[in-house]
Amino acid sequence: MDFLDLVANRESIRDYDSEKLIPEQILFKILEAGRLAPSACNLQPWKFVVVSSRQKLEEVRTTYSRSWFAEAPHILIVVGNSTQSWVRSDGYNSIETDLAIAMDHIILAAESLSVGTCWVGNFDYAALKKVLNLDKDEVVFAMTPLGYTKSGFRKKGQKSRKKMAEIVHFI
């Protein structure tokens, strides 16, 4: 598939088949895309937490209570360490940029393998950090369910985006 077609086809999935697990080799291909993502000074200040056990899934689901989220057979959480990321001379820390790039690579890789995702940033941060037993320097950036749709159907509708002339400026 052409890259622009992949980007155009990617959509947030909110309909998961809880019984259909993602094969390990597919999970590792998705994770490899995150591992290969670029980061400032190549510091790779991340870790990817894949939650698949019933007990841990139940704990993670309490941090974002949506019915569709509770149906996903896997949840991937992108975590970073702000003390391991590049800091610019004016104090800007690249952690969020680095983690966003990794998350985007993961989501696009999942799309290329017909695995549904939905970027989730609205969760109970303190509760999730506690569930994951993270160190004080570790931050939870975002999470996504990983799974196949119940129906097998994806809408692939037209995306609402600004016109190119509204966002591109040549100077």
N, C-alpha and C. Protein backbone atom coordinates (compact mmCIF):
# COMPACT_ATOMS: atom_id res chain seq x y z
N MET A 1 0.84 -1.18 0.00
CA MET A 1 0.00 0.00 0.00
C MET A 1 0.88 1.24 0.00
N ASP A 2 0.52 2.19 -0.81
CA ASP A 2 1.19 3.48 -0.85
C ASP A 2 1.08 4.16 0.52
N PHE A 3 2.14 4.87 0.92
CA PHE A 3 2.16 5.49 2.24
C PHE A 3 1.01 6.48 2.44
N LEU A 4 0.74 7.33 1.46
CA LEU A 4 -0.35 8.30 1.60
C LEU A 4 -1.71 7.60 1.71
N ASP A 5 -1.86 6.48 1.02
CA ASP A 5 -3.10 5.70 1.16
C ASP A 5 -3.22 5.14 2.58
N LEU A 6 -2.10 4.66 3.12
CA LEU A 6 -2.08 4.15 4.49
C LEU A 6 -2.52 5.24 5.47
N VAL A 7 -1.95 6.43 5.33
CA VAL A 7 -2.29 7.55 6.21
C VAL A 7 -3.76 7.94 6.03
N ALA A 8 -4.21 7.98 4.81
CA ALA A 8 -5.60 8.36 4.54
C ALA A 8 -6.59 7.33 5.09
N ASN A 9 -6.20 6.06 5.05
CA ASN A 9 -7.10 4.99 5.51
C ASN A 9 -7.13 4.81 7.02
N ARG A 10 -6.10 5.24 7.72
CA ARG A 10 -6.03 5.06 9.17
C ARG A 10 -7.16 5.81 9.86
N GLU A 11 -7.83 5.12 10.76
CA GLU A 11 -8.92 5.74 11.52
C GLU A 11 -8.92 5.22 12.95
N SER A 12 -9.55 5.97 13.83
CA SER A 12 -9.68 5.54 15.23
C SER A 12 -10.78 4.50 15.32
N ILE A 13 -10.42 3.35 15.86
CA ILE A 13 -11.36 2.23 15.97
C ILE A 13 -11.93 2.19 17.38
N ARG A 14 -13.25 2.05 17.46
CA ARG A 14 -13.93 1.97 18.75
C ARG A 14 -14.90 0.79 18.73
N ASP A 15 -14.44 -0.32 18.19
CA ASP A 15 -15.26 -1.53 18.05
C ASP A 15 -14.31 -2.73 17.98
N TYR A 16 -14.04 -3.36 19.13
CA TYR A 16 -13.04 -4.42 19.18
C TYR A 16 -13.64 -5.78 19.50
N ASP A 17 -13.08 -6.80 18.89
CA ASP A 17 -13.44 -8.19 19.18
C ASP A 17 -12.52 -8.67 20.31
N SER A 18 -13.05 -8.74 21.51
CA SER A 18 -12.23 -9.08 22.69
C SER A 18 -11.69 -10.49 22.64
N GLU A 19 -12.28 -11.34 21.83
CA GLU A 19 -11.85 -12.75 21.77
C GLU A 19 -10.77 -13.00 20.73
N LYS A 20 -10.57 -12.08 19.83
CA LYS A 20 -9.60 -12.28 18.74
C LYS A 20 -8.28 -11.61 19.09
N LEU A 21 -7.36 -12.39 19.63
CA LEU A 21 -6.06 -11.87 20.02
C LEU A 21 -5.19 -11.61 18.79
N ILE A 22 -4.28 -10.68 18.93
CA ILE A 22 -3.34 -10.40 17.85
C ILE A 22 -2.18 -11.37 17.97
N PRO A 23 -1.85 -12.09 16.91
CA PRO A 23 -0.73 -13.02 16.98
C PRO A 23 0.57 -12.31 17.38
N GLU A 24 1.40 -13.01 18.11
CA GLU A 24 2.64 -12.44 18.62
C GLU A 24 3.51 -11.84 17.53
N GLN A 25 3.61 -12.51 16.38
CA GLN A 25 4.47 -12.00 15.31
C GLN A 25 3.94 -10.67 14.77
N ILE A 26 2.63 -10.47 14.79
CA ILE A 26 2.05 -9.20 14.35
C ILE A 26 2.34 -8.13 15.41
N LEU A 27 2.16 -8.47 16.68
CA LEU A 27 2.49 -7.52 17.76
C LEU A 27 3.94 -7.04 17.65
N PHE A 28 4.84 -7.97 17.40
CA PHE A 28 6.25 -7.60 17.32
C PHE A 28 6.56 -6.73 16.10
N LYS A 29 5.85 -6.92 15.01
CA LYS A 29 6.04 -6.04 13.85
C LYS A 29 5.59 -4.62 14.20
N ILE A 30 4.48 -4.51 14.91
CA ILE A 30 3.98 -3.20 15.33
C ILE A 30 4.98 -2.53 16.27
N LEU A 31 5.47 -3.28 17.23
CA LEU A 31 6.44 -2.76 18.20
C LEU A 31 7.77 -2.40 17.53
N GLU A 32 8.14 -3.13 16.51
CA GLU A 32 9.38 -2.84 15.78
C GLU A 32 9.31 -1.45 15.14
N ALA A 33 8.13 -1.08 14.66
CA ALA A 33 7.97 0.25 14.08
C ALA A 33 8.25 1.33 15.12
N GLY A 34 7.79 1.12 16.34
CA GLY A 34 8.08 2.08 17.41
C GLY A 34 9.56 2.09 17.76
N ARG A 35 10.15 0.91 17.80
CA ARG A 35 11.57 0.80 18.13
C ARG A 35 12.43 1.53 17.11
N LEU A 36 12.03 1.51 15.87
CA LEU A 36 12.80 2.14 14.79
C LEU A 36 12.54 3.63 14.64
N ALA A 37 11.60 4.17 15.40
CA ALA A 37 11.26 5.59 15.29
C ALA A 37 12.47 6.45 15.64
N PRO A 38 12.60 7.59 14.98
CA PRO A 38 13.69 8.51 15.33
C PRO A 38 13.38 9.24 16.64
N SER A 39 14.43 9.64 17.31
CA SER A 39 14.30 10.47 18.51
C SER A 39 15.47 11.45 18.54
N ALA A 40 15.29 12.53 19.26
CA ALA A 40 16.35 13.55 19.34
C ALA A 40 17.64 12.92 19.85
N CYS A 41 18.72 13.15 19.11
CA CYS A 41 20.05 12.58 19.43
C CYS A 41 20.03 11.06 19.55
N ASN A 42 19.01 10.42 18.97
CA ASN A 42 18.86 8.96 19.00
C ASN A 42 18.88 8.40 20.43
N LEU A 43 18.35 9.14 21.39
CA LEU A 43 18.38 8.70 22.79
C LEU A 43 17.30 7.65 23.11
N GLN A 44 16.26 7.56 22.29
CA GLN A 44 15.23 6.54 22.44
C GLN A 44 14.74 6.45 23.90
N PRO A 45 14.17 7.52 24.44
CA PRO A 45 13.81 7.56 25.85
C PRO A 45 12.46 6.90 26.17
N TRP A 46 12.16 5.79 25.54
CA TRP A 46 10.84 5.18 25.65
C TRP A 46 10.88 3.73 26.07
N LYS A 47 9.70 3.28 26.47
CA LYS A 47 9.44 1.85 26.56
C LYS A 47 7.98 1.66 26.18
N PHE A 48 7.69 0.50 25.64
CA PHE A 48 6.35 0.19 25.17
C PHE A 48 5.81 -0.94 26.04
N VAL A 49 4.73 -0.66 26.74
CA VAL A 49 4.13 -1.63 27.64
C VAL A 49 2.91 -2.23 26.94
N VAL A 50 2.95 -3.53 26.72
CA VAL A 50 1.83 -4.23 26.09
C VAL A 50 1.08 -4.99 27.18
N VAL A 51 -0.16 -4.60 27.38
CA VAL A 51 -0.98 -5.23 28.41
C VAL A 51 -1.93 -6.21 27.74
N SER A 52 -1.81 -7.48 28.12
CA SER A 52 -2.65 -8.53 27.53
C SER A 52 -3.27 -9.44 28.58
N SER A 53 -2.71 -9.47 29.78
CA SER A 53 -3.26 -10.36 30.81
C SER A 53 -4.59 -9.80 31.31
N ARG A 54 -5.52 -10.69 31.59
CA ARG A 54 -6.86 -10.29 32.02
C ARG A 54 -6.82 -9.37 33.24
N GLN A 55 -6.01 -9.73 34.24
CA GLN A 55 -5.94 -8.94 35.47
C GLN A 55 -5.42 -7.53 35.21
N LYS A 56 -4.33 -7.42 34.47
CA LYS A 56 -3.73 -6.10 34.22
C LYS A 56 -4.62 -5.28 33.28
N LEU A 57 -5.28 -5.94 32.33
CA LEU A 57 -6.21 -5.22 31.46
C LEU A 57 -7.32 -4.57 32.29
N GLU A 58 -7.86 -5.30 33.24
CA GLU A 58 -8.91 -4.76 34.10
C GLU A 58 -8.41 -3.55 34.88
N GLU A 59 -7.18 -3.60 35.37
CA GLU A 59 -6.62 -2.47 36.11
C GLU A 59 -6.43 -1.25 35.21
N VAL A 60 -5.88 -1.47 34.02
CA VAL A 60 -5.64 -0.37 33.09
C VAL A 60 -6.97 0.23 32.64
N ARG A 61 -7.97 -0.59 32.41
CA ARG A 61 -9.27 -0.11 31.94
C ARG A 61 -9.94 0.83 32.93
N THR A 62 -9.61 0.71 34.21
CA THR A 62 -10.21 1.62 35.21
C THR A 62 -9.71 3.05 35.03
N THR A 63 -8.64 3.24 34.29
CA THR A 63 -8.08 4.59 34.11
C THR A 63 -8.70 5.33 32.92
N TYR A 64 -9.50 4.62 32.14
CA TYR A 64 -10.20 5.23 30.99
C TYR A 64 -11.46 4.42 30.76
N SER A 65 -12.54 4.85 31.32
CA SER A 65 -13.77 4.04 31.34
C SER A 65 -14.67 4.32 30.14
N ARG A 66 -14.36 3.66 29.05
CA ARG A 66 -15.21 3.68 27.86
C ARG A 66 -15.49 2.22 27.50
N SER A 67 -16.72 1.91 27.15
CA SER A 67 -17.08 0.51 26.88
C SER A 67 -16.25 -0.09 25.75
N TRP A 68 -16.02 0.67 24.70
CA TRP A 68 -15.25 0.15 23.57
C TRP A 68 -13.80 -0.13 23.96
N PHE A 69 -13.26 0.68 24.87
CA PHE A 69 -11.89 0.49 25.34
C PHE A 69 -11.77 -0.82 26.12
N ALA A 70 -12.82 -1.15 26.85
CA ALA A 70 -12.83 -2.37 27.66
C ALA A 70 -12.91 -3.63 26.81
N GLU A 71 -13.24 -3.49 25.54
CA GLU A 71 -13.36 -4.66 24.66
C GLU A 71 -12.05 -5.07 24.01
N ALA A 72 -11.09 -4.18 23.98
CA ALA A 72 -9.83 -4.47 23.27
C ALA A 72 -9.06 -5.59 23.97
N PRO A 73 -8.53 -6.54 23.20
CA PRO A 73 -7.78 -7.65 23.81
C PRO A 73 -6.37 -7.27 24.26
N HIS A 74 -5.87 -6.13 23.78
CA HIS A 74 -4.53 -5.66 24.14
C HIS A 74 -4.59 -4.14 24.28
N ILE A 75 -3.76 -3.62 25.18
CA ILE A 75 -3.60 -2.17 25.29
C ILE A 75 -2.10 -1.90 25.28
N LEU A 76 -1.69 -1.00 24.41
CA LEU A 76 -0.28 -0.62 24.33
C LEU A 76 -0.13 0.77 24.94
N ILE A 77 0.84 0.91 25.83
CA ILE A 77 1.08 2.17 26.52
C ILE A 77 2.50 2.62 26.23
N VAL A 78 2.62 3.87 25.77
CA VAL A 78 3.93 4.44 25.47
C VAL A 78 4.37 5.26 26.69
N VAL A 79 5.51 4.87 27.24
CA VAL A 79 6.06 5.48 28.45
C VAL A 79 7.44 6.03 28.10
N GLY A 80 7.78 7.16 28.69
CA GLY A 80 9.09 7.75 28.46
C GLY A 80 9.74 8.17 29.75
N ASN A 81 11.04 8.41 29.66
CA ASN A 81 11.79 8.88 30.82
C ASN A 81 12.38 10.24 30.46
N SER A 82 11.89 11.26 31.14
CA SER A 82 12.30 12.63 30.81
C SER A 82 13.76 12.93 31.15
N THR A 83 14.37 12.09 31.96
CA THR A 83 15.79 12.30 32.27
C THR A 83 16.69 11.64 31.22
N GLN A 84 16.09 10.87 30.31
CA GLN A 84 16.85 10.20 29.27
C GLN A 84 16.67 10.83 27.90
N SER A 85 15.90 11.90 27.83
CA SER A 85 15.64 12.55 26.54
C SER A 85 16.53 13.77 26.38
N TRP A 86 16.65 14.23 25.15
CA TRP A 86 17.49 15.36 24.81
C TRP A 86 16.86 16.65 25.33
N VAL A 87 17.68 17.53 25.86
CA VAL A 87 17.23 18.84 26.34
C VAL A 87 18.01 19.92 25.59
N ARG A 88 17.26 20.82 24.94
CA ARG A 88 17.86 21.91 24.20
C ARG A 88 18.43 22.95 25.16
N SER A 89 19.30 23.81 24.70
CA SER A 89 19.97 24.81 25.55
C SER A 89 19.00 25.75 26.25
N ASP A 90 17.80 25.95 25.68
CA ASP A 90 16.82 26.84 26.33
C ASP A 90 15.91 26.08 27.31
N GLY A 91 16.21 24.79 27.53
CA GLY A 91 15.44 24.00 28.49
C GLY A 91 14.35 23.13 27.90
N TYR A 92 14.05 23.28 26.60
CA TYR A 92 13.04 22.44 25.96
C TYR A 92 13.47 20.98 26.05
N ASN A 93 12.58 20.12 26.54
CA ASN A 93 12.84 18.68 26.64
C ASN A 93 12.06 17.99 25.51
N SER A 94 12.74 17.16 24.75
CA SER A 94 12.15 16.53 23.56
C SER A 94 11.27 15.32 23.87
N ILE A 95 11.04 15.00 25.12
CA ILE A 95 10.34 13.76 25.48
C ILE A 95 9.00 13.59 24.76
N GLU A 96 8.16 14.62 24.77
CA GLU A 96 6.84 14.47 24.14
C GLU A 96 6.95 14.32 22.63
N THR A 97 7.86 15.03 22.01
CA THR A 97 8.06 14.90 20.57
C THR A 97 8.53 13.49 20.24
N ASP A 98 9.52 13.01 20.97
CA ASP A 98 10.05 11.66 20.74
C ASP A 98 8.96 10.60 20.89
N LEU A 99 8.18 10.72 21.95
CA LEU A 99 7.13 9.72 22.22
C LEU A 99 6.00 9.81 21.20
N ALA A 100 5.69 11.01 20.74
CA ALA A 100 4.66 11.17 19.72
C ALA A 100 5.09 10.51 18.40
N ILE A 101 6.34 10.67 18.05
CA ILE A 101 6.84 10.03 16.83
C ILE A 101 6.76 8.51 16.95
N ALA A 102 7.18 7.98 18.08
CA ALA A 102 7.12 6.52 18.28
C ALA A 102 5.67 6.03 18.24
N MET A 103 4.78 6.75 18.91
CA MET A 103 3.36 6.35 18.92
C MET A 103 2.79 6.39 17.51
N ASP A 104 3.11 7.40 16.74
CA ASP A 104 2.61 7.50 15.38
C ASP A 104 3.13 6.35 14.52
N HIS A 105 4.40 6.01 14.66
CA HIS A 105 4.95 4.87 13.92
C HIS A 105 4.19 3.59 14.29
N ILE A 106 3.92 3.40 15.57
CA ILE A 106 3.20 2.21 16.04
C ILE A 106 1.80 2.15 15.44
N ILE A 107 1.10 3.25 15.48
CA ILE A 107 -0.27 3.29 14.97
C ILE A 107 -0.33 3.07 13.46
N LEU A 108 0.62 3.64 12.74
CA LEU A 108 0.63 3.42 11.29
C LEU A 108 1.03 1.99 10.95
N ALA A 109 1.95 1.41 11.71
CA ALA A 109 2.31 0.01 11.48
C ALA A 109 1.11 -0.89 11.74
N ALA A 110 0.37 -0.61 12.81
CA ALA A 110 -0.83 -1.40 13.11
C ALA A 110 -1.82 -1.30 11.95
N GLU A 111 -2.03 -0.10 11.44
CA GLU A 111 -2.94 0.09 10.31
C GLU A 111 -2.50 -0.74 9.11
N SER A 112 -1.20 -0.76 8.85
CA SER A 112 -0.69 -1.51 7.69
C SER A 112 -0.92 -3.02 7.84
N LEU A 113 -1.13 -3.46 9.09
CA LEU A 113 -1.36 -4.88 9.38
C LEU A 113 -2.82 -5.16 9.74
N SER A 114 -3.70 -4.21 9.43
CA SER A 114 -5.14 -4.33 9.67
C SER A 114 -5.51 -4.48 11.14
N VAL A 115 -4.68 -3.92 12.01
CA VAL A 115 -4.95 -3.92 13.45
C VAL A 115 -5.48 -2.54 13.82
N GLY A 116 -6.60 -2.52 14.53
CA GLY A 116 -7.23 -1.27 14.92
C GLY A 116 -6.55 -0.63 16.11
N THR A 117 -6.55 0.71 16.11
CA THR A 117 -5.99 1.50 17.20
C THR A 117 -6.87 2.72 17.44
N CYS A 118 -6.67 3.36 18.57
CA CYS A 118 -7.30 4.64 18.86
C CYS A 118 -6.42 5.36 19.87
N TRP A 119 -5.74 6.39 19.44
CA TRP A 119 -4.82 7.15 20.29
C TRP A 119 -5.61 7.73 21.46
N VAL A 120 -5.25 7.36 22.68
CA VAL A 120 -5.94 7.81 23.89
C VAL A 120 -4.98 8.63 24.74
N GLY A 121 -5.35 9.88 24.99
CA GLY A 121 -4.56 10.74 25.85
C GLY A 121 -5.35 11.22 27.06
N ASN A 122 -6.64 10.95 27.07
CA ASN A 122 -7.53 11.40 28.15
C ASN A 122 -7.76 10.26 29.13
N PHE A 123 -6.84 10.08 30.04
CA PHE A 123 -6.95 9.00 31.02
C PHE A 123 -6.55 9.54 32.38
N ASP A 124 -6.81 8.75 33.41
CA ASP A 124 -6.42 9.14 34.77
C ASP A 124 -4.93 8.88 34.90
N TYR A 125 -4.15 9.93 34.72
CA TYR A 125 -2.70 9.82 34.67
C TYR A 125 -2.11 9.20 35.94
N ALA A 126 -2.48 9.72 37.09
CA ALA A 126 -1.92 9.22 38.36
C ALA A 126 -2.28 7.75 38.57
N ALA A 127 -3.51 7.40 38.26
CA ALA A 127 -3.94 6.01 38.45
C ALA A 127 -3.19 5.07 37.50
N LEU A 128 -3.02 5.48 36.26
CA LEU A 128 -2.31 4.62 35.29
C LEU A 128 -0.85 4.48 35.67
N LYS A 129 -0.25 5.55 36.10
CA LYS A 129 1.15 5.49 36.54
C LYS A 129 1.30 4.52 37.70
N LYS A 130 0.34 4.51 38.60
CA LYS A 130 0.36 3.60 39.74
C LYS A 130 0.15 2.15 39.30
N VAL A 131 -0.80 1.93 38.39
CA VAL A 131 -1.07 0.58 37.87
C VAL A 131 0.19 0.00 37.23
N LEU A 132 0.93 0.86 36.54
CA LEU A 132 2.14 0.41 35.83
C LEU A 132 3.37 0.38 36.73
N ASN A 133 3.23 0.91 37.94
CA ASN A 133 4.32 0.94 38.90
C ASN A 133 5.56 1.63 38.32
N LEU A 134 5.35 2.84 37.81
CA LEU A 134 6.43 3.58 37.15
C LEU A 134 7.25 4.37 38.15
N ASP A 135 8.51 4.59 37.78
CA ASP A 135 9.41 5.44 38.57
C ASP A 135 8.98 6.89 38.44
N LYS A 136 9.48 7.75 39.33
CA LYS A 136 9.10 9.16 39.34
C LYS A 136 9.48 9.88 38.04
N ASP A 137 10.55 9.46 37.37
CA ASP A 137 10.99 10.11 36.14
C ASP A 137 10.28 9.58 34.90
N GLU A 138 9.51 8.53 35.05
CA GLU A 138 8.81 7.96 33.90
C GLU A 138 7.45 8.64 33.74
N VAL A 139 7.12 8.94 32.49
CA VAL A 139 5.85 9.58 32.18
C VAL A 139 5.05 8.70 31.22
N VAL A 140 3.75 8.67 31.43
CA VAL A 140 2.87 7.99 30.49
C VAL A 140 2.48 9.03 29.46
N PHE A 141 2.76 8.75 28.21
CA PHE A 141 2.46 9.70 27.14
C PHE A 141 1.06 9.47 26.58
N ALA A 142 0.80 8.26 26.15
CA ALA A 142 -0.48 7.92 25.52
C ALA A 142 -0.63 6.40 25.52
N MET A 143 -1.83 5.98 25.21
CA MET A 143 -2.06 4.55 25.07
C MET A 143 -3.03 4.32 23.92
N THR A 144 -3.04 3.09 23.45
CA THR A 144 -3.97 2.72 22.40
C THR A 144 -4.40 1.28 22.60
N PRO A 145 -5.69 1.01 22.39
CA PRO A 145 -6.09 -0.38 22.30
C PRO A 145 -5.51 -0.95 21.01
N LEU A 146 -5.28 -2.23 21.00
CA LEU A 146 -4.87 -2.94 19.79
C LEU A 146 -5.82 -4.10 19.60
N GLY A 147 -6.41 -4.19 18.43
CA GLY A 147 -7.33 -5.30 18.20
C GLY A 147 -7.96 -5.26 16.83
N TYR A 148 -8.72 -6.31 16.57
CA TYR A 148 -9.48 -6.41 15.32
C TYR A 148 -10.92 -6.01 15.62
N THR A 149 -11.59 -5.48 14.62
CA THR A 149 -12.98 -5.06 14.83
C THR A 149 -13.89 -6.28 14.95
N LYS A 150 -14.99 -6.11 15.68
CA LYS A 150 -15.99 -7.18 15.82
C LYS A 150 -16.56 -7.56 14.47
N SER A 151 -16.92 -6.56 13.72
CA SER A 151 -17.61 -6.80 12.46
C SER A 151 -16.66 -7.08 11.30
N GLY A 152 -15.39 -6.72 11.50
CA GLY A 152 -14.44 -6.84 10.39
C GLY A 152 -14.58 -5.68 9.42
N PHE A 153 -15.56 -4.82 9.67
CA PHE A 153 -15.83 -3.69 8.79
C PHE A 153 -15.22 -2.42 9.35
N ARG A 154 -14.60 -1.65 8.48
CA ARG A 154 -14.08 -0.33 8.84
C ARG A 154 -14.62 0.66 7.83
N LYS A 155 -15.04 1.81 8.31
CA LYS A 155 -15.75 2.76 7.45
C LYS A 155 -14.90 3.39 6.37
N LYS A 156 -13.64 3.67 6.64
CA LYS A 156 -12.74 4.28 5.65
C LYS A 156 -13.40 5.47 4.96
N GLY A 157 -14.02 6.30 5.75
CA GLY A 157 -14.71 7.46 5.22
C GLY A 157 -13.78 8.59 4.86
N GLN A 158 -14.34 9.60 4.26
CA GLN A 158 -13.59 10.79 3.88
C GLN A 158 -13.23 11.57 5.15
N LYS A 159 -11.97 11.91 5.30
CA LYS A 159 -11.53 12.68 6.46
C LYS A 159 -11.79 14.16 6.25
N SER A 160 -12.19 14.82 7.30
CA SER A 160 -12.39 16.25 7.26
C SER A 160 -11.07 16.94 7.60
N ARG A 161 -10.47 17.57 6.64
CA ARG A 161 -9.19 18.24 6.83
C ARG A 161 -9.23 19.60 6.15
N LYS A 162 -8.43 20.51 6.64
CA LYS A 162 -8.32 21.82 6.00
C LYS A 162 -7.74 21.65 4.60
N LYS A 163 -8.04 22.61 3.76
CA LYS A 163 -7.47 22.61 2.41
C LYS A 163 -5.98 22.91 2.49
N MET A 164 -5.24 22.37 1.55
CA MET A 164 -3.79 22.56 1.50
C MET A 164 -3.42 24.04 1.54
N ALA A 165 -4.16 24.88 0.82
CA ALA A 165 -3.86 26.31 0.76
C ALA A 165 -4.01 26.99 2.13
N GLU A 166 -4.78 26.40 3.03
CA GLU A 166 -4.98 26.98 4.36
C GLU A 166 -3.80 26.69 5.31
N ILE A 167 -3.05 25.66 5.02
CA ILE A 167 -2.02 25.24 5.97
C ILE A 167 -0.60 25.28 5.44
N VAL A 168 -0.44 25.40 4.15
CA VAL A 168 0.91 25.41 3.56
C VAL A 168 1.26 26.81 3.10
N HIS A 169 2.41 27.28 3.47
CA HIS A 169 2.88 28.60 3.08
C HIS A 169 4.31 28.47 2.56
N PHE A 170 4.49 28.85 1.30
CA PHE A 170 5.82 28.88 0.70
C PHE A 170 6.36 30.29 0.82
N ILE A 171 7.55 30.43 1.36
CA ILE A 171 8.12 31.79 1.49
C ILE A 171 9.51 31.85 0.89
